[in-house]
C-alpha cells in the first residue's frame, strides 16, 4: 500500500492515552500508552524507516494495537505520529504491507493498494529452513 505523506490524518490520542515518538536518524518508533501511570501501559506501537532515493520513502512496519485497547482509534494515532515525523524529515511517500485487518485501517487513512501480496509466518518450534 502507499500514500503521499502530505495531508495524512494525524489524530490526537483519545482521553486516557498519550503518544510518544522515539528513535534516531531514519528509524522511528511511536508508542501509545495509558496515561494513568500504570507500569507497562503500552496500548499500541509502530515502527517506520525512512529510505529510498534521498530518504523520500517511509516504510511502516509492525503496527499493532493490543486487543484490550482496540476500536479506539489508536492505530490511527500511531500512523499519524509516524507519518508526520517522517514528513518533517523530508519523506514524501509512505509504503507498507498490510494484513487483512490492518488494510481496513489504512484504507480509511487514505492508503491505496498497489499490489496483492502473500505473507507467510512461521509459528512452529522447528527451524523452517531445515
N, C-alpha and C. Protein backbone atom coordinates (compact mmCIF):
# COMPACT_ATOMS: atom_id res chain seq x y z
N UNK A 1 0.85 -1.16 0.00
CA UNK A 1 0.00 0.00 0.00
C UNK A 1 0.90 1.23 0.00
N UNK A 2 0.36 2.33 -0.48
CA UNK A 2 1.12 3.57 -0.49
C UNK A 2 0.18 4.76 -0.34
N UNK A 3 0.78 5.88 0.01
CA UNK A 3 0.06 7.15 0.00
C UNK A 3 1.06 8.28 0.20
N UNK A 4 0.73 9.45 -0.36
CA UNK A 4 1.56 10.62 -0.07
C UNK A 4 1.47 10.94 1.42
N UNK A 5 2.57 11.36 2.01
CA UNK A 5 2.55 11.69 3.44
C UNK A 5 1.91 13.04 3.71
N UNK A 6 1.99 13.95 2.74
CA UNK A 6 1.36 15.26 2.93
C UNK A 6 -0.14 15.07 3.14
N UNK A 7 -0.65 15.67 4.17
CA UNK A 7 -2.08 15.60 4.44
C UNK A 7 -2.54 14.33 5.12
N UNK A 8 -1.61 13.47 5.54
CA UNK A 8 -2.01 12.24 6.23
C UNK A 8 -2.72 12.62 7.53
N UNK A 9 -3.86 11.99 7.84
CA UNK A 9 -4.53 12.28 9.11
C UNK A 9 -3.60 12.01 10.29
N UNK A 10 -3.64 12.89 11.28
CA UNK A 10 -2.81 12.74 12.48
C UNK A 10 -3.66 13.06 13.71
N UNK A 11 -4.58 12.16 14.07
CA UNK A 11 -5.46 12.44 15.21
C UNK A 11 -4.71 12.44 16.54
N UNK A 12 -5.24 13.19 17.46
CA UNK A 12 -4.73 13.19 18.83
C UNK A 12 -5.18 11.90 19.51
N UNK A 13 -4.43 11.43 20.51
CA UNK A 13 -4.89 10.24 21.22
C UNK A 13 -6.16 10.55 22.01
N UNK A 14 -7.03 9.56 22.17
CA UNK A 14 -8.24 9.78 22.94
C UNK A 14 -7.92 9.98 24.43
N UNK A 15 -8.90 10.43 25.18
CA UNK A 15 -8.73 10.63 26.62
C UNK A 15 -8.22 9.35 27.26
N UNK A 16 -7.24 9.50 28.14
CA UNK A 16 -6.67 8.35 28.84
C UNK A 16 -5.42 7.79 28.19
N UNK A 17 -5.00 8.38 27.06
CA UNK A 17 -3.83 7.88 26.34
C UNK A 17 -2.90 9.03 25.97
N UNK A 18 -1.62 8.71 25.85
CA UNK A 18 -0.61 9.65 25.34
C UNK A 18 0.18 8.94 24.25
N UNK A 19 0.75 9.72 23.33
CA UNK A 19 1.60 9.14 22.28
C UNK A 19 3.01 9.69 22.45
N UNK A 20 3.99 8.80 22.31
CA UNK A 20 5.40 9.19 22.42
C UNK A 20 6.12 8.70 21.17
N UNK A 21 6.98 9.54 20.65
CA UNK A 21 7.78 9.22 19.46
C UNK A 21 9.24 9.14 19.88
N UNK A 22 9.91 8.09 19.45
CA UNK A 22 11.34 7.94 19.75
C UNK A 22 12.04 7.40 18.52
N UNK A 23 13.32 7.16 18.67
CA UNK A 23 14.12 6.67 17.55
C UNK A 23 15.19 7.68 17.23
N UNK A 24 15.97 7.33 16.22
CA UNK A 24 17.02 8.25 15.81
C UNK A 24 17.23 8.13 14.31
N UNK A 25 17.73 9.17 13.76
CA UNK A 25 18.04 9.21 12.34
C UNK A 25 16.83 8.79 11.51
N UNK A 26 16.93 7.66 10.85
CA UNK A 26 15.89 7.28 9.90
C UNK A 26 14.95 6.20 10.41
N UNK A 27 15.08 5.80 11.68
CA UNK A 27 14.20 4.78 12.24
C UNK A 27 13.41 5.40 13.39
N UNK A 28 12.09 5.32 13.28
CA UNK A 28 11.20 5.94 14.26
C UNK A 28 10.30 4.89 14.91
N UNK A 29 9.93 5.13 16.17
CA UNK A 29 9.01 4.27 16.89
C UNK A 29 7.97 5.17 17.55
N UNK A 30 6.70 4.83 17.37
CA UNK A 30 5.61 5.54 18.05
C UNK A 30 4.94 4.57 19.00
N UNK A 31 4.71 5.01 20.24
CA UNK A 31 4.02 4.20 21.23
C UNK A 31 2.87 5.00 21.81
N UNK A 32 1.72 4.37 21.89
CA UNK A 32 0.58 4.94 22.58
C UNK A 32 0.48 4.21 23.91
N UNK A 33 0.50 4.97 25.00
CA UNK A 33 0.47 4.40 26.34
C UNK A 33 -0.70 4.99 27.12
N UNK A 34 -1.13 4.24 28.14
CA UNK A 34 -2.16 4.77 29.02
C UNK A 34 -1.52 5.85 29.87
N UNK A 35 -2.28 6.87 30.20
CA UNK A 35 -1.71 7.98 30.96
C UNK A 35 -2.06 7.90 32.45
N UNK A 36 -2.39 6.70 32.93
CA UNK A 36 -2.78 6.55 34.33
C UNK A 36 -1.62 6.13 35.23
N UNK A 37 -0.40 6.13 34.69
CA UNK A 37 0.77 5.80 35.48
C UNK A 37 0.98 4.31 35.70
N UNK A 38 0.17 3.48 35.08
CA UNK A 38 0.32 2.04 35.23
C UNK A 38 1.60 1.60 34.52
N UNK A 39 2.40 0.80 35.20
CA UNK A 39 3.62 0.28 34.57
C UNK A 39 3.23 -0.58 33.37
N UNK A 40 4.03 -0.51 32.33
CA UNK A 40 3.79 -1.26 31.11
C UNK A 40 2.40 -0.95 30.55
N UNK A 41 2.08 0.33 30.48
CA UNK A 41 0.78 0.75 29.97
C UNK A 41 0.73 0.84 28.46
N UNK A 42 1.54 0.05 27.75
CA UNK A 42 1.56 0.08 26.30
C UNK A 42 0.22 -0.37 25.74
N UNK A 43 -0.33 0.43 24.81
CA UNK A 43 -1.60 0.11 24.17
C UNK A 43 -1.44 -0.14 22.68
N UNK A 44 -0.54 0.59 22.03
CA UNK A 44 -0.32 0.45 20.58
C UNK A 44 1.10 0.89 20.26
N UNK A 45 1.62 0.36 19.15
CA UNK A 45 3.01 0.68 18.80
C UNK A 45 3.21 0.49 17.31
N UNK A 46 4.17 1.21 16.75
CA UNK A 46 4.51 1.04 15.35
C UNK A 46 5.92 1.53 15.07
N UNK A 47 6.47 1.07 13.95
CA UNK A 47 7.83 1.42 13.53
C UNK A 47 7.77 1.99 12.12
N UNK A 48 8.75 2.81 11.80
CA UNK A 48 8.84 3.38 10.46
C UNK A 48 10.31 3.64 10.14
N UNK A 49 10.71 3.27 8.93
CA UNK A 49 12.08 3.53 8.47
C UNK A 49 12.02 4.41 7.24
N UNK A 50 12.86 5.42 7.21
CA UNK A 50 12.93 6.32 6.06
C UNK A 50 14.05 5.81 5.16
N UNK A 51 13.73 5.62 3.89
CA UNK A 51 14.71 5.05 2.96
C UNK A 51 14.46 5.57 1.56
N UNK A 52 15.10 4.95 0.60
CA UNK A 52 14.88 5.33 -0.80
C UNK A 52 15.80 6.46 -1.22
N UNK A 53 15.64 6.88 -2.47
CA UNK A 53 16.43 7.98 -3.01
C UNK A 53 16.21 9.23 -2.19
N UNK A 54 17.28 9.75 -1.64
CA UNK A 54 17.23 10.99 -0.85
C UNK A 54 16.29 10.88 0.33
N UNK A 55 16.04 9.66 0.84
CA UNK A 55 15.19 9.50 2.01
C UNK A 55 13.75 9.89 1.77
N UNK A 56 13.24 9.69 0.58
CA UNK A 56 11.88 10.13 0.26
C UNK A 56 10.80 9.13 0.60
N UNK A 57 11.15 7.87 0.87
CA UNK A 57 10.16 6.84 1.19
C UNK A 57 10.17 6.57 2.69
N UNK A 58 8.99 6.31 3.23
CA UNK A 58 8.84 5.97 4.63
C UNK A 58 8.08 4.66 4.71
N UNK A 59 8.74 3.62 5.23
CA UNK A 59 8.16 2.28 5.26
C UNK A 59 7.70 1.96 6.68
N UNK A 60 6.38 1.81 6.84
CA UNK A 60 5.80 1.49 8.14
C UNK A 60 5.78 -0.02 8.32
N UNK A 61 6.01 -0.47 9.56
CA UNK A 61 6.08 -1.90 9.84
C UNK A 61 5.70 -2.16 11.29
N UNK A 62 5.22 -3.36 11.54
CA UNK A 62 4.88 -3.82 12.89
C UNK A 62 3.97 -2.84 13.62
N UNK A 63 2.91 -2.43 12.96
CA UNK A 63 1.91 -1.56 13.57
C UNK A 63 0.92 -2.46 14.29
N UNK A 64 0.71 -2.26 15.58
CA UNK A 64 -0.26 -3.10 16.28
C UNK A 64 -0.91 -2.35 17.43
N UNK A 65 -2.07 -2.83 17.81
CA UNK A 65 -2.80 -2.37 18.99
C UNK A 65 -3.13 -3.60 19.82
N UNK A 66 -2.84 -3.55 21.10
CA UNK A 66 -3.16 -4.68 21.97
C UNK A 66 -4.68 -4.88 22.01
N UNK A 67 -5.13 -6.13 22.06
CA UNK A 67 -6.57 -6.41 21.96
C UNK A 67 -7.46 -5.60 22.89
N UNK A 68 -7.06 -5.42 24.13
CA UNK A 68 -7.94 -4.71 25.08
C UNK A 68 -8.05 -3.21 24.79
N UNK A 69 -7.24 -2.70 23.86
CA UNK A 69 -7.27 -1.28 23.53
C UNK A 69 -7.79 -1.00 22.12
N UNK A 70 -8.26 -2.03 21.44
CA UNK A 70 -8.71 -1.86 20.05
C UNK A 70 -10.04 -1.12 19.98
N UNK A 71 -10.32 -0.62 18.75
CA UNK A 71 -11.57 0.10 18.43
C UNK A 71 -11.62 1.47 19.13
N UNK A 72 -10.47 2.07 19.37
CA UNK A 72 -10.40 3.40 20.00
C UNK A 72 -9.62 4.39 19.14
N UNK A 73 -9.23 3.97 17.94
CA UNK A 73 -8.50 4.86 17.05
C UNK A 73 -7.01 4.94 17.30
N UNK A 74 -6.47 4.01 18.09
CA UNK A 74 -5.05 4.10 18.44
C UNK A 74 -4.13 3.77 17.26
N UNK A 75 -4.56 2.89 16.38
CA UNK A 75 -3.77 2.62 15.17
C UNK A 75 -3.62 3.87 14.33
N UNK A 76 -4.69 4.65 14.24
CA UNK A 76 -4.64 5.92 13.50
C UNK A 76 -3.70 6.91 14.17
N UNK A 77 -3.69 6.91 15.51
CA UNK A 77 -2.78 7.79 16.25
C UNK A 77 -1.33 7.41 15.96
N UNK A 78 -1.02 6.11 16.01
CA UNK A 78 0.34 5.64 15.72
C UNK A 78 0.75 6.05 14.31
N UNK A 79 -0.10 5.76 13.33
CA UNK A 79 0.24 6.09 11.95
C UNK A 79 0.38 7.59 11.75
N UNK A 80 -0.46 8.37 12.38
CA UNK A 80 -0.37 9.82 12.26
C UNK A 80 0.94 10.36 12.82
N UNK A 81 1.34 9.84 13.99
CA UNK A 81 2.59 10.30 14.61
C UNK A 81 3.80 9.91 13.74
N UNK A 82 3.80 8.68 13.25
CA UNK A 82 4.93 8.22 12.43
C UNK A 82 5.02 8.98 11.11
N UNK A 83 3.91 9.14 10.42
CA UNK A 83 3.95 9.79 9.11
C UNK A 83 4.26 11.28 9.23
N UNK A 84 3.77 11.93 10.29
CA UNK A 84 4.09 13.35 10.48
C UNK A 84 5.59 13.52 10.72
N UNK A 85 6.17 12.66 11.55
CA UNK A 85 7.60 12.75 11.83
C UNK A 85 8.42 12.46 10.58
N UNK A 86 7.99 11.48 9.79
CA UNK A 86 8.71 11.17 8.54
C UNK A 86 8.64 12.34 7.57
N UNK A 87 7.48 12.95 7.45
CA UNK A 87 7.32 14.10 6.55
C UNK A 87 8.21 15.26 7.00
N UNK A 88 8.32 15.48 8.32
CA UNK A 88 9.19 16.53 8.83
C UNK A 88 10.65 16.26 8.49
N UNK A 89 10.99 15.00 8.29
CA UNK A 89 12.36 14.62 7.94
C UNK A 89 12.56 14.55 6.43
N UNK A 90 11.57 14.96 5.66
CA UNK A 90 11.71 15.04 4.22
C UNK A 90 11.12 13.90 3.41
N UNK A 91 10.57 12.89 4.08
CA UNK A 91 9.96 11.78 3.34
C UNK A 91 8.68 12.27 2.67
N UNK A 92 8.39 11.72 1.51
CA UNK A 92 7.20 12.14 0.76
C UNK A 92 6.15 11.05 0.59
N UNK A 93 6.59 9.80 0.50
CA UNK A 93 5.68 8.70 0.20
C UNK A 93 5.74 7.64 1.28
N UNK A 94 4.58 7.20 1.76
CA UNK A 94 4.50 6.11 2.72
C UNK A 94 4.28 4.79 2.00
N UNK A 95 4.93 3.75 2.49
CA UNK A 95 4.80 2.40 1.93
C UNK A 95 4.59 1.41 3.07
N UNK A 96 3.80 0.36 2.84
CA UNK A 96 3.64 -0.68 3.84
C UNK A 96 3.02 -1.92 3.22
N UNK A 97 3.17 -3.04 3.91
CA UNK A 97 2.47 -4.28 3.58
C UNK A 97 1.46 -4.48 4.69
N UNK A 98 0.19 -4.61 4.34
CA UNK A 98 -0.88 -4.67 5.33
C UNK A 98 -1.46 -6.06 5.48
N UNK A 99 -1.83 -6.39 6.70
CA UNK A 99 -2.62 -7.60 6.94
C UNK A 99 -4.05 -7.28 6.50
N UNK A 100 -4.89 -8.30 6.43
CA UNK A 100 -6.29 -8.07 6.08
C UNK A 100 -6.97 -7.12 7.04
N UNK A 101 -6.72 -7.30 8.33
CA UNK A 101 -7.31 -6.44 9.34
C UNK A 101 -6.75 -5.02 9.26
N UNK A 102 -5.43 -4.93 9.10
CA UNK A 102 -4.80 -3.62 9.01
C UNK A 102 -5.19 -2.86 7.76
N UNK A 103 -5.45 -3.58 6.70
CA UNK A 103 -5.81 -2.93 5.43
C UNK A 103 -7.02 -2.01 5.58
N UNK A 104 -7.99 -2.42 6.35
CA UNK A 104 -9.17 -1.57 6.56
C UNK A 104 -8.78 -0.24 7.21
N UNK A 105 -7.91 -0.31 8.19
CA UNK A 105 -7.43 0.92 8.84
C UNK A 105 -6.73 1.81 7.84
N UNK A 106 -5.80 1.25 7.09
CA UNK A 106 -5.01 2.06 6.17
C UNK A 106 -5.87 2.66 5.06
N UNK A 107 -6.84 1.92 4.58
CA UNK A 107 -7.74 2.47 3.55
C UNK A 107 -8.52 3.66 4.11
N UNK A 108 -8.95 3.57 5.38
CA UNK A 108 -9.64 4.72 6.00
C UNK A 108 -8.72 5.94 6.10
N UNK A 109 -7.42 5.69 6.19
CA UNK A 109 -6.45 6.79 6.29
C UNK A 109 -5.97 7.27 4.92
N UNK A 110 -6.54 6.72 3.85
CA UNK A 110 -6.21 7.20 2.51
C UNK A 110 -5.13 6.42 1.78
N UNK A 111 -4.68 5.29 2.32
CA UNK A 111 -3.69 4.46 1.65
C UNK A 111 -4.38 3.68 0.54
N UNK A 112 -3.63 3.36 -0.52
CA UNK A 112 -4.21 2.58 -1.61
C UNK A 112 -3.36 1.34 -1.89
N UNK A 113 -4.04 0.31 -2.32
CA UNK A 113 -3.37 -0.95 -2.63
C UNK A 113 -2.60 -0.81 -3.94
N UNK A 114 -1.34 -1.18 -3.91
CA UNK A 114 -0.51 -1.17 -5.12
C UNK A 114 -0.48 -2.55 -5.76
N UNK A 115 -0.44 -3.59 -4.93
CA UNK A 115 -0.46 -4.98 -5.41
C UNK A 115 -0.85 -5.88 -4.25
N UNK A 116 -1.35 -7.05 -4.56
CA UNK A 116 -1.66 -8.04 -3.53
C UNK A 116 -0.39 -8.82 -3.21
N UNK A 117 -0.24 -9.22 -1.95
CA UNK A 117 0.93 -9.99 -1.52
C UNK A 117 0.47 -11.14 -0.64
N UNK A 118 1.23 -12.20 -0.66
CA UNK A 118 1.02 -13.31 0.25
C UNK A 118 2.21 -13.31 1.21
N UNK A 119 1.91 -13.33 2.51
CA UNK A 119 2.95 -13.30 3.52
C UNK A 119 2.83 -14.56 4.36
N UNK A 120 3.93 -15.25 4.57
CA UNK A 120 3.95 -16.45 5.41
C UNK A 120 4.56 -16.09 6.76
N UNK A 121 4.05 -16.74 7.79
CA UNK A 121 4.56 -16.51 9.14
C UNK A 121 4.77 -17.87 9.80
N UNK A 122 5.99 -18.17 10.18
CA UNK A 122 6.30 -19.46 10.79
C UNK A 122 5.99 -19.41 12.27
N UNK A 123 5.19 -20.37 12.76
CA UNK A 123 4.84 -20.41 14.18
C UNK A 123 5.34 -21.66 14.88
N UNK A 124 5.96 -22.57 14.16
CA UNK A 124 6.44 -23.82 14.75
C UNK A 124 7.74 -23.64 15.50
N UNK A 125 8.11 -24.69 16.24
CA UNK A 125 9.36 -24.67 17.00
C UNK A 125 10.57 -25.02 16.15
N UNK A 126 10.36 -25.82 15.12
CA UNK A 126 11.48 -26.25 14.28
C UNK A 126 11.95 -25.12 13.38
N UNK A 127 13.20 -25.21 12.98
CA UNK A 127 13.76 -24.23 12.05
C UNK A 127 13.10 -24.42 10.69
N UNK A 128 12.44 -23.39 10.15
CA UNK A 128 11.73 -23.54 8.88
C UNK A 128 12.66 -23.77 7.69
N UNK A 129 13.95 -23.56 7.87
CA UNK A 129 14.89 -23.74 6.77
C UNK A 129 15.51 -25.14 6.75
N UNK A 130 15.17 -25.97 7.72
CA UNK A 130 15.73 -27.34 7.74
C UNK A 130 15.00 -28.24 6.78
